[in-house]
N, C-alpha and C. Protein backbone atom coordinates (compact mmCIF):
# COMPACT_ATOMS: atom_id res chain seq x y z
N MET A 1 -11.24 1.40 -6.46
CA MET A 1 -9.87 1.27 -6.88
C MET A 1 -9.29 -0.02 -6.21
N THR A 2 -8.26 -0.52 -6.81
CA THR A 2 -7.65 -1.71 -6.30
C THR A 2 -6.14 -1.61 -6.10
N THR A 3 -5.81 -0.46 -5.57
CA THR A 3 -4.36 -0.15 -5.41
C THR A 3 -3.64 -1.25 -4.64
N PHE A 4 -4.17 -1.56 -3.45
CA PHE A 4 -3.47 -2.51 -2.58
C PHE A 4 -3.42 -3.93 -3.11
N SER A 5 -4.63 -4.40 -3.62
CA SER A 5 -4.66 -5.74 -4.14
C SER A 5 -3.81 -5.91 -5.36
N THR A 6 -3.70 -4.86 -6.17
CA THR A 6 -2.80 -4.92 -7.37
C THR A 6 -1.35 -5.01 -6.91
N LEU A 7 -0.94 -4.15 -6.00
CA LEU A 7 0.44 -4.19 -5.49
C LEU A 7 0.75 -5.50 -4.75
N ALA A 8 -0.17 -6.00 -4.03
CA ALA A 8 -0.02 -7.24 -3.23
C ALA A 8 0.26 -8.40 -4.12
N ALA A 9 -0.36 -8.41 -5.32
CA ALA A 9 -0.23 -9.54 -6.20
C ALA A 9 0.96 -9.40 -7.15
N MET A 10 1.59 -8.25 -7.18
CA MET A 10 2.62 -7.96 -8.18
C MET A 10 3.91 -8.74 -7.92
N GLN A 11 4.44 -9.30 -8.97
CA GLN A 11 5.74 -9.94 -8.96
C GLN A 11 6.60 -9.26 -9.95
N LEU A 12 7.72 -8.66 -9.55
CA LEU A 12 8.55 -7.94 -10.47
C LEU A 12 9.26 -8.95 -11.38
N LEU A 13 9.41 -8.53 -12.63
CA LEU A 13 10.12 -9.32 -13.64
C LEU A 13 11.64 -9.29 -13.32
N THR A 14 12.38 -10.28 -13.81
CA THR A 14 13.79 -10.29 -13.56
C THR A 14 14.46 -9.00 -14.03
N ALA A 15 14.10 -8.50 -15.18
CA ALA A 15 14.63 -7.25 -15.73
C ALA A 15 14.28 -6.08 -14.83
N GLU A 16 13.14 -6.08 -14.30
CA GLU A 16 12.71 -4.96 -13.36
C GLU A 16 13.52 -5.04 -12.09
N LYS A 17 13.67 -6.23 -11.56
CA LYS A 17 14.45 -6.36 -10.35
C LYS A 17 15.90 -5.87 -10.59
N ALA A 18 16.47 -6.22 -11.70
CA ALA A 18 17.85 -5.83 -12.06
C ALA A 18 17.95 -4.30 -12.24
N ALA A 19 16.89 -3.70 -12.82
CA ALA A 19 16.93 -2.24 -13.06
C ALA A 19 16.87 -1.52 -11.65
N VAL A 20 16.03 -2.02 -10.77
CA VAL A 20 15.93 -1.40 -9.42
C VAL A 20 17.25 -1.56 -8.71
N GLN A 21 17.83 -2.72 -8.75
CA GLN A 21 19.09 -2.96 -8.10
C GLN A 21 20.20 -2.05 -8.62
N ALA A 22 20.26 -1.92 -9.95
CA ALA A 22 21.29 -1.10 -10.56
C ALA A 22 21.07 0.38 -10.23
N ALA A 23 19.85 0.82 -10.22
CA ALA A 23 19.55 2.27 -9.97
C ALA A 23 19.73 2.61 -8.52
N GLY A 24 19.34 1.70 -7.61
CA GLY A 24 19.42 2.01 -6.19
C GLY A 24 20.66 1.55 -5.53
N GLY A 25 21.50 0.84 -6.19
CA GLY A 25 22.76 0.35 -5.62
C GLY A 25 22.61 -0.70 -4.56
N TYR A 26 22.00 -1.75 -4.75
CA TYR A 26 21.75 -2.92 -3.91
C TYR A 26 20.27 -3.13 -3.54
N GLU A 27 19.42 -2.27 -3.97
CA GLU A 27 18.02 -2.40 -3.57
C GLU A 27 17.41 -3.72 -4.11
N ASP A 28 16.65 -4.33 -3.28
CA ASP A 28 15.91 -5.59 -3.60
C ASP A 28 14.52 -5.11 -3.95
N GLY A 29 14.22 -5.07 -5.22
CA GLY A 29 12.92 -4.51 -5.70
C GLY A 29 11.76 -5.28 -5.12
N GLN A 30 11.79 -6.60 -5.16
CA GLN A 30 10.66 -7.44 -4.63
C GLN A 30 10.60 -7.24 -3.12
N GLY A 31 11.72 -7.15 -2.43
CA GLY A 31 11.67 -6.87 -0.99
C GLY A 31 11.09 -5.52 -0.69
N MET A 32 11.40 -4.56 -1.51
CA MET A 32 10.85 -3.21 -1.25
C MET A 32 9.32 -3.27 -1.48
N LEU A 33 8.91 -3.99 -2.52
CA LEU A 33 7.43 -4.13 -2.76
C LEU A 33 6.76 -4.81 -1.62
N SER A 34 7.37 -5.78 -1.04
CA SER A 34 6.79 -6.48 0.13
C SER A 34 6.72 -5.55 1.31
N ALA A 35 7.73 -4.78 1.54
CA ALA A 35 7.72 -3.85 2.66
C ALA A 35 6.62 -2.74 2.47
N ILE A 36 6.54 -2.27 1.24
CA ILE A 36 5.47 -1.30 0.95
C ILE A 36 4.10 -1.88 1.18
N ASN A 37 3.87 -3.11 0.76
CA ASN A 37 2.60 -3.76 0.97
C ASN A 37 2.28 -3.94 2.47
N ALA A 38 3.31 -4.26 3.25
CA ALA A 38 3.09 -4.40 4.70
C ALA A 38 2.72 -3.06 5.31
N THR A 39 3.33 -2.00 4.87
CA THR A 39 3.06 -0.69 5.34
C THR A 39 1.60 -0.26 4.99
N ILE A 40 1.23 -0.54 3.74
CA ILE A 40 -0.13 -0.20 3.26
C ILE A 40 -1.15 -1.02 4.13
N ALA A 41 -0.86 -2.28 4.41
CA ALA A 41 -1.78 -3.12 5.19
C ALA A 41 -1.94 -2.50 6.58
N GLU A 42 -0.79 -2.02 7.17
CA GLU A 42 -0.89 -1.40 8.47
C GLU A 42 -1.69 -0.14 8.49
N VAL A 43 -1.52 0.68 7.44
CA VAL A 43 -2.26 1.91 7.31
C VAL A 43 -3.75 1.62 7.18
N LYS A 44 -4.11 0.59 6.36
CA LYS A 44 -5.46 0.22 6.22
C LYS A 44 -6.11 -0.22 7.54
N LEU A 45 -5.33 -0.93 8.34
CA LEU A 45 -5.85 -1.35 9.64
C LEU A 45 -6.05 -0.13 10.58
N GLN A 46 -5.10 0.80 10.55
CA GLN A 46 -5.23 1.96 11.38
C GLN A 46 -6.44 2.80 10.97
N LEU A 47 -6.61 2.97 9.63
CA LEU A 47 -7.72 3.75 9.18
C LEU A 47 -9.06 3.10 9.48
N THR A 48 -9.11 1.76 9.46
CA THR A 48 -10.32 1.02 9.76
C THR A 48 -10.72 1.24 11.23
N VAL A 49 -9.72 1.17 12.11
CA VAL A 49 -9.97 1.41 13.55
C VAL A 49 -10.44 2.89 13.73
N LEU A 50 -9.77 3.79 13.05
CA LEU A 50 -10.20 5.23 13.19
C LEU A 50 -11.60 5.37 12.67
N ALA A 51 -11.91 4.81 11.51
CA ALA A 51 -13.26 4.93 10.95
C ALA A 51 -14.35 4.41 11.91
N ALA A 52 -13.99 3.39 12.63
CA ALA A 52 -14.97 2.79 13.52
C ALA A 52 -15.25 3.68 14.72
N ASN A 53 -14.39 4.65 14.95
CA ASN A 53 -14.59 5.51 16.11
C ASN A 53 -14.85 6.96 15.88
N VAL A 54 -14.71 7.38 14.64
CA VAL A 54 -14.98 8.78 14.27
C VAL A 54 -16.46 8.89 13.93
N PRO A 55 -17.15 9.85 14.53
CA PRO A 55 -18.60 10.04 14.25
C PRO A 55 -18.81 10.51 12.85
N ALA A 56 -20.01 10.32 12.35
CA ALA A 56 -20.38 10.69 11.01
C ALA A 56 -19.99 12.14 10.71
N GLY A 57 -19.58 12.40 9.53
CA GLY A 57 -19.24 13.72 9.12
C GLY A 57 -18.19 13.71 7.97
N THR A 58 -17.68 14.89 7.65
CA THR A 58 -16.73 15.01 6.52
C THR A 58 -15.41 14.24 6.80
N ASN A 59 -14.95 14.20 8.01
CA ASN A 59 -13.75 13.51 8.33
C ASN A 59 -13.90 12.00 8.10
N LEU A 60 -15.02 11.47 8.54
CA LEU A 60 -15.33 10.04 8.36
C LEU A 60 -15.37 9.73 6.86
N THR A 61 -16.02 10.61 6.16
CA THR A 61 -16.17 10.44 4.71
C THR A 61 -14.73 10.39 4.06
N ALA A 62 -13.89 11.29 4.48
CA ALA A 62 -12.48 11.33 3.93
C ALA A 62 -11.75 10.04 4.37
N ILE A 63 -11.91 9.58 5.55
CA ILE A 63 -11.23 8.36 6.01
C ILE A 63 -11.71 7.19 5.22
N ASN A 64 -13.05 7.09 5.00
CA ASN A 64 -13.53 5.96 4.19
C ASN A 64 -13.07 6.06 2.71
N ALA A 65 -13.00 7.27 2.20
CA ALA A 65 -12.43 7.45 0.87
C ALA A 65 -11.03 6.96 0.72
N ALA A 66 -10.22 7.22 1.75
CA ALA A 66 -8.84 6.76 1.81
C ALA A 66 -8.78 5.23 1.83
N LEU A 67 -9.67 4.67 2.62
CA LEU A 67 -9.74 3.18 2.66
C LEU A 67 -10.13 2.55 1.31
N THR A 68 -11.07 3.20 0.63
CA THR A 68 -11.50 2.78 -0.69
C THR A 68 -10.34 2.87 -1.66
N ALA A 69 -9.60 3.96 -1.60
CA ALA A 69 -8.46 4.12 -2.49
C ALA A 69 -7.35 3.12 -2.27
N LEU A 70 -7.28 2.64 -1.05
CA LEU A 70 -6.21 1.65 -0.70
C LEU A 70 -6.69 0.25 -0.83
N ALA A 71 -7.97 -0.03 -1.32
CA ALA A 71 -8.52 -1.30 -1.41
C ALA A 71 -7.73 -2.20 -2.29
C-alpha cells in the first residue's frame, strides 16, 4: 500500500480547500493534510524503532504490517 506517499504528495484543489474551510469554520485543509502527514511520519519512525527491538513473533509481524500499510 502507499497510504503515506499518496497523502504526502497530495495537493488539495481550490474547491476542496474552500469546502473544508466552509465545513470546519476556518480549517486550512492543506495545513491539516501537512499536519496529518507529519503525524504519520512520526508514527512510522516510532514503529520502525519498535520493530527493530521486538523479537520475532506475531507482534513483530503486526508491527511490520502496520509499517507496510503506512508506506
